[in-house]
Amino acid sequence: MSQTRTTFEMGLREYARTPVLLALLVFLPAYVIVFFTRVMPERTVPVDLPGAGLTPVGLKPMVAVLMTPMVAALIGGVAGLFLMQSARDVDSRLVVVGAAPRTILLARFGLLGFATLLASAVAVTVMSLTYVPDQLAWFVLATVVSGLTYGAIGALVGLVSNRLAGIYVLMFGPFLDIFLAQSPLAEGAPAVAPYLPGHYTVEMAFDAAFTAGVDLATVAWGLVYLAVVAAVAWVAFSRSLRSA
């Protein structure tokens, strides 16, 4: 565990030395949520809520609730990409000098979890200035799961692409998935929408924000989706370390 902690602390120091990453984790979530909620008009729209049917909801709260897991997904994905790109050579050298791959994996995924939790905390805090969800704990869980799922996807993208291409994928991916395909205001959601990473987390978020109960089946499927993607990322990262 001491090796894991040392590797984790090294990663934290690397974050601290990278102002762009710090701005990404703290400033971007606040800016995006504040900007989108401020430009929305003060009116009510009918939203098809899971288990509740069409329900009138304020447009500003609806956008704030939708943007929060989207921002967490965006930050988590880019953090996973940066983490994989910056750690690849360093981690390979650590393996050569005797560090256990499992130790490195635990530290790197711990860093990814830290970055996602920080971005999620900022996003939920800023969103609360506009609207406080009816079931805040479930909403926070939905936001964190969204960020972690895309964080694992970002790590996978970092293994197979360069940084520039990966940033494009992870900037547009959450937007197309959560803001467009999963939006309750979208007419005629694409057939692929239920299979995208943001499907269950958006349903969880809207359940928690506007209804009295959360569908536990949706929560379970969201966690299963996260577990599968994280397992694939773990195996892929492990193989990249062993083959280096």
Protein backbone atom coordinates (compact mmCIF):
# COMPACT_ATOMS: atom_id res chain seq x y z
CA MET A 1 0.00 0.00 0.00
CA SER A 2 2.95 2.35 0.57
CA GLN A 3 3.88 2.07 -3.13
CA THR A 4 0.28 2.81 -4.09
CA ARG A 5 0.21 5.87 -1.84
CA THR A 6 3.55 7.12 -3.16
CA THR A 7 2.39 6.77 -6.77
CA PHE A 8 -0.90 8.46 -5.91
CA GLU A 9 0.89 11.39 -4.24
CA MET A 10 3.19 11.73 -7.25
CA GLY A 11 0.11 12.03 -9.45
CA LEU A 12 -1.40 14.68 -7.18
CA ARG A 13 1.80 16.71 -7.40
CA GLU A 14 1.67 16.40 -11.18
CA TYR A 15 -1.89 17.76 -11.12
CA ALA A 16 -0.74 20.64 -8.91
CA ARG A 17 2.03 21.50 -11.39
CA THR A 18 -0.42 21.60 -14.31
CA PRO A 19 -2.55 24.78 -14.16
CA VAL A 20 -4.59 23.68 -17.18
CA LEU A 21 -5.78 20.58 -15.35
CA LEU A 22 -6.62 22.56 -12.22
CA ALA A 23 -8.64 25.03 -14.27
CA LEU A 24 -10.34 22.13 -16.04
CA LEU A 25 -11.32 20.48 -12.76
CA VAL A 26 -12.57 23.60 -10.98
CA PHE A 27 -13.28 26.48 -13.35
CA LEU A 28 -14.85 24.70 -16.32
CA PRO A 29 -17.70 22.97 -14.42
CA ALA A 30 -18.69 26.25 -12.76
CA TYR A 31 -18.48 28.26 -15.97
CA VAL A 32 -20.48 25.85 -18.14
CA ILE A 33 -23.33 25.39 -15.66
CA VAL A 34 -23.61 29.09 -14.80
CA PHE A 35 -23.50 30.12 -18.46
CA PHE A 36 -26.16 27.69 -19.69
CA THR A 37 -28.54 28.34 -16.79
CA ARG A 38 -28.21 32.13 -17.05
CA VAL A 39 -29.08 32.25 -20.77
CA MET A 40 -32.20 30.10 -20.38
CA PRO A 41 -35.53 31.97 -20.28
CA GLU A 42 -37.79 31.88 -17.23
CA ARG A 43 -40.48 29.47 -18.40
CA THR A 44 -41.88 26.01 -17.74
CA VAL A 45 -41.58 23.06 -20.11
CA PRO A 46 -43.16 19.59 -20.03
CA VAL A 47 -40.53 16.96 -19.26
CA ASP A 48 -41.06 13.21 -19.58
CA LEU A 49 -39.76 11.99 -16.24
CA PRO A 50 -39.03 8.29 -15.60
CA GLY A 51 -41.99 6.82 -13.74
CA ALA A 52 -43.88 10.13 -13.57
CA GLY A 53 -44.79 10.88 -17.18
CA LEU A 54 -45.05 14.43 -18.52
CA THR A 55 -44.38 16.89 -15.70
CA PRO A 56 -44.06 20.69 -15.89
CA VAL A 57 -40.54 21.70 -14.92
CA GLY A 58 -38.78 25.05 -14.97
CA LEU A 59 -36.43 25.34 -17.94
CA LYS A 60 -33.54 26.72 -15.86
CA PRO A 61 -33.65 23.86 -13.29
CA MET A 62 -34.04 21.31 -16.09
CA VAL A 63 -30.96 22.59 -17.92
CA ALA A 64 -28.96 22.78 -14.68
CA VAL A 65 -29.86 19.17 -13.84
CA LEU A 66 -28.93 18.00 -17.35
CA MET A 67 -25.67 19.94 -17.50
CA THR A 68 -24.31 18.70 -14.17
CA PRO A 69 -23.75 15.01 -15.09
CA MET A 70 -22.67 16.13 -18.56
CA VAL A 71 -19.94 18.38 -17.14
CA ALA A 72 -18.83 15.60 -14.77
CA ALA A 73 -18.63 13.23 -17.75
CA LEU A 74 -16.65 15.72 -19.79
CA ILE A 75 -14.16 16.44 -17.00
CA GLY A 76 -13.88 12.77 -16.05
CA GLY A 77 -13.22 11.75 -19.64
CA VAL A 78 -10.54 14.38 -20.25
CA ALA A 79 -8.95 13.61 -16.86
CA GLY A 80 -8.80 9.93 -17.78
CA LEU A 81 -7.19 10.80 -21.10
CA PHE A 82 -4.60 13.14 -19.55
CA LEU A 83 -3.85 10.62 -16.83
CA MET A 84 -3.22 7.83 -19.30
CA GLN A 85 -1.18 9.98 -21.69
CA SER A 86 1.03 11.49 -18.99
CA ALA A 87 1.49 8.30 -16.97
CA ARG A 88 2.25 5.83 -19.76
CA ASP A 89 6.04 6.30 -19.93
CA VAL A 90 6.46 6.89 -16.19
CA ASP A 91 4.47 3.80 -15.26
CA SER A 92 6.41 1.65 -17.69
CA ARG A 93 9.65 2.69 -15.97
CA LEU A 94 8.12 1.96 -12.57
CA VAL A 95 7.32 -1.58 -13.70
CA VAL A 96 10.90 -2.02 -14.94
CA VAL A 97 12.34 -1.05 -11.54
CA GLY A 98 10.07 -3.50 -9.75
CA ALA A 99 6.76 -1.79 -8.97
CA ALA A 100 3.79 -4.13 -9.12
CA PRO A 101 1.35 -3.32 -11.95
CA ARG A 102 -1.57 -3.71 -9.52
CA THR A 103 -0.05 -1.01 -7.30
CA ILE A 104 0.23 1.40 -10.22
CA LEU A 105 -3.29 0.61 -11.40
CA LEU A 106 -4.77 1.30 -7.96
CA ALA A 107 -2.93 4.62 -7.74
CA ARG A 108 -3.94 5.76 -11.22
CA PHE A 109 -7.58 4.82 -10.82
CA GLY A 110 -7.52 6.49 -7.42
CA LEU A 111 -6.31 9.69 -9.08
CA LEU A 112 -9.08 9.41 -11.65
CA GLY A 113 -11.61 9.00 -8.86
CA PHE A 114 -10.21 12.04 -7.04
CA ALA A 115 -10.43 14.23 -10.15
CA THR A 116 -13.99 13.07 -10.84
CA LEU A 117 -15.13 13.65 -7.26
CA LEU A 118 -13.64 17.16 -7.26
CA ALA A 119 -15.31 18.08 -10.56
CA SER A 120 -18.62 16.55 -9.42
CA ALA A 121 -18.51 18.47 -6.13
CA VAL A 122 -17.93 21.75 -7.95
CA ALA A 123 -20.67 20.99 -10.50
CA VAL A 124 -23.28 20.05 -7.89
CA THR A 125 -22.40 23.05 -5.71
CA VAL A 126 -22.79 25.48 -8.62
CA MET A 127 -26.00 23.79 -9.76
CA SER A 128 -27.42 24.18 -6.24
CA LEU A 129 -27.32 27.95 -6.72
CA THR A 130 -30.05 27.47 -9.34
CA TYR A 131 -31.88 24.38 -8.09
CA VAL A 132 -31.52 21.89 -5.25
CA PRO A 133 -32.64 18.36 -6.23
CA ASP A 134 -35.40 16.72 -4.22
CA GLN A 135 -33.07 13.81 -3.42
CA LEU A 136 -29.61 15.33 -3.34
CA ALA A 137 -27.68 12.19 -2.34
CA TRP A 138 -29.02 10.20 -5.30
CA PHE A 139 -28.31 13.12 -7.61
CA VAL A 140 -24.70 13.31 -6.40
CA LEU A 141 -24.36 9.57 -7.02
CA ALA A 142 -25.67 9.98 -10.58
CA THR A 143 -23.19 12.79 -11.22
CA VAL A 144 -20.22 10.84 -9.84
CA VAL A 145 -21.15 7.67 -11.76
CA SER A 146 -21.41 9.73 -14.95
CA GLY A 147 -17.94 11.18 -14.39
CA LEU A 148 -16.36 7.84 -13.50
CA THR A 149 -17.91 6.08 -16.49
CA TYR A 150 -16.54 8.62 -18.92
CA GLY A 151 -13.28 8.68 -16.95
CA ALA A 152 -12.78 4.99 -17.69
CA ILE A 153 -13.71 5.63 -21.32
CA GLY A 154 -11.17 8.46 -21.40
CA ALA A 155 -8.48 6.11 -20.12
CA LEU A 156 -9.32 3.66 -22.90
CA VAL A 157 -9.22 6.43 -25.51
CA GLY A 158 -5.82 7.48 -24.14
CA LEU A 159 -4.45 4.01 -24.85
CA VAL A 160 -5.37 4.05 -28.54
CA SER A 161 -5.15 7.70 -29.64
CA ASN A 162 -3.00 10.77 -29.27
CA ARG A 163 -3.97 13.62 -26.96
CA LEU A 164 -5.46 15.95 -29.57
CA ALA A 165 -7.72 13.32 -31.12
CA GLY A 166 -8.70 12.07 -27.68
CA ILE A 167 -9.70 15.56 -26.51
CA TYR A 168 -12.00 15.96 -29.51
CA VAL A 169 -13.63 12.60 -28.80
CA LEU A 170 -14.09 13.32 -25.10
CA MET A 171 -15.30 16.89 -25.59
CA PHE A 172 -17.97 16.04 -28.14
CA GLY A 173 -18.86 12.56 -26.84
CA PRO A 174 -20.58 13.62 -23.58
CA PHE A 175 -22.28 16.53 -25.34
CA LEU A 176 -23.76 14.34 -28.09
CA ASP A 177 -24.67 11.61 -25.61
CA ILE A 178 -26.09 13.50 -22.61
CA PHE A 179 -27.10 16.92 -23.91
CA LEU A 180 -28.61 15.71 -27.18
CA ALA A 181 -29.41 11.97 -27.17
CA GLN A 182 -30.53 11.78 -23.51
CA SER A 183 -32.21 15.18 -23.22
CA PRO A 184 -35.88 14.93 -22.17
CA LEU A 185 -36.60 17.83 -24.52
CA ALA A 186 -35.25 16.02 -27.56
CA GLU A 187 -37.82 14.81 -30.05
CA GLY A 188 -37.22 11.34 -31.41
CA ALA A 189 -34.24 10.11 -29.42
CA PRO A 190 -31.90 7.96 -31.54
CA ALA A 191 -32.30 4.20 -31.29
CA VAL A 192 -28.79 3.91 -29.84
CA ALA A 193 -29.56 6.28 -26.91
CA PRO A 194 -30.40 3.51 -24.34
CA TYR A 195 -26.98 1.93 -24.93
CA LEU A 196 -24.89 5.09 -24.52
CA PRO A 197 -22.89 5.73 -21.32
CA GLY A 198 -25.08 8.62 -20.20
CA HIS A 199 -28.45 6.86 -20.42
CA TYR A 200 -28.81 5.48 -16.90
CA THR A 201 -27.05 8.36 -15.18
CA VAL A 202 -29.35 10.94 -16.79
CA GLU A 203 -32.40 8.91 -15.75
CA MET A 204 -30.99 8.71 -12.22
CA ALA A 205 -30.32 12.45 -12.17
CA PHE A 206 -33.83 13.42 -13.31
CA ASP A 207 -35.45 10.92 -10.97
CA ALA A 208 -33.48 12.37 -8.07
CA ALA A 209 -34.06 15.98 -9.09
CA PHE A 210 -37.79 16.05 -9.79
CA THR A 211 -39.51 12.95 -8.37
CA ALA A 212 -40.13 11.50 -4.94
CA GLY A 213 -38.44 8.19 -5.64
CA VAL A 214 -35.50 6.79 -7.57
CA ASP A 215 -35.85 3.63 -9.64
CA LEU A 216 -33.33 1.25 -8.06
CA ALA A 217 -33.17 -0.79 -11.27
CA THR A 218 -31.86 2.31 -13.06
CA VAL A 219 -29.27 2.81 -10.33
CA ALA A 220 -28.20 -0.82 -10.58
CA TRP A 221 -27.83 -0.69 -14.37
CA GLY A 222 -25.83 2.52 -14.12
CA LEU A 223 -23.44 0.87 -11.68
CA VAL A 224 -23.21 -2.24 -13.86
CA TYR A 225 -22.36 -0.09 -16.89
CA LEU A 226 -19.65 1.65 -14.86
CA ALA A 227 -18.26 -1.67 -13.59
CA VAL A 228 -18.02 -3.12 -17.10
CA VAL A 229 -16.27 -0.07 -18.57
CA ALA A 230 -13.91 0.18 -15.58
CA ALA A 231 -13.05 -3.52 -15.85
CA VAL A 232 -12.24 -3.15 -19.55
CA ALA A 233 -10.07 -0.10 -18.81
CA TRP A 234 -8.31 -1.96 -15.97
CA VAL A 235 -7.48 -4.95 -18.19
CA ALA A 236 -6.35 -2.75 -21.08
CA PHE A 237 -4.13 -0.60 -18.84
CA SER A 238 -2.70 -3.69 -17.15
CA ARG A 239 -1.78 -5.24 -20.49
CA SER A 240 -0.17 -2.01 -21.66
CA LEU A 241 2.03 -2.01 -18.55
CA ARG A 242 3.05 -5.63 -18.93
CA SER A 243 3.87 -5.23 -22.63
CA ALA A 244 5.91 -2.04 -22.15
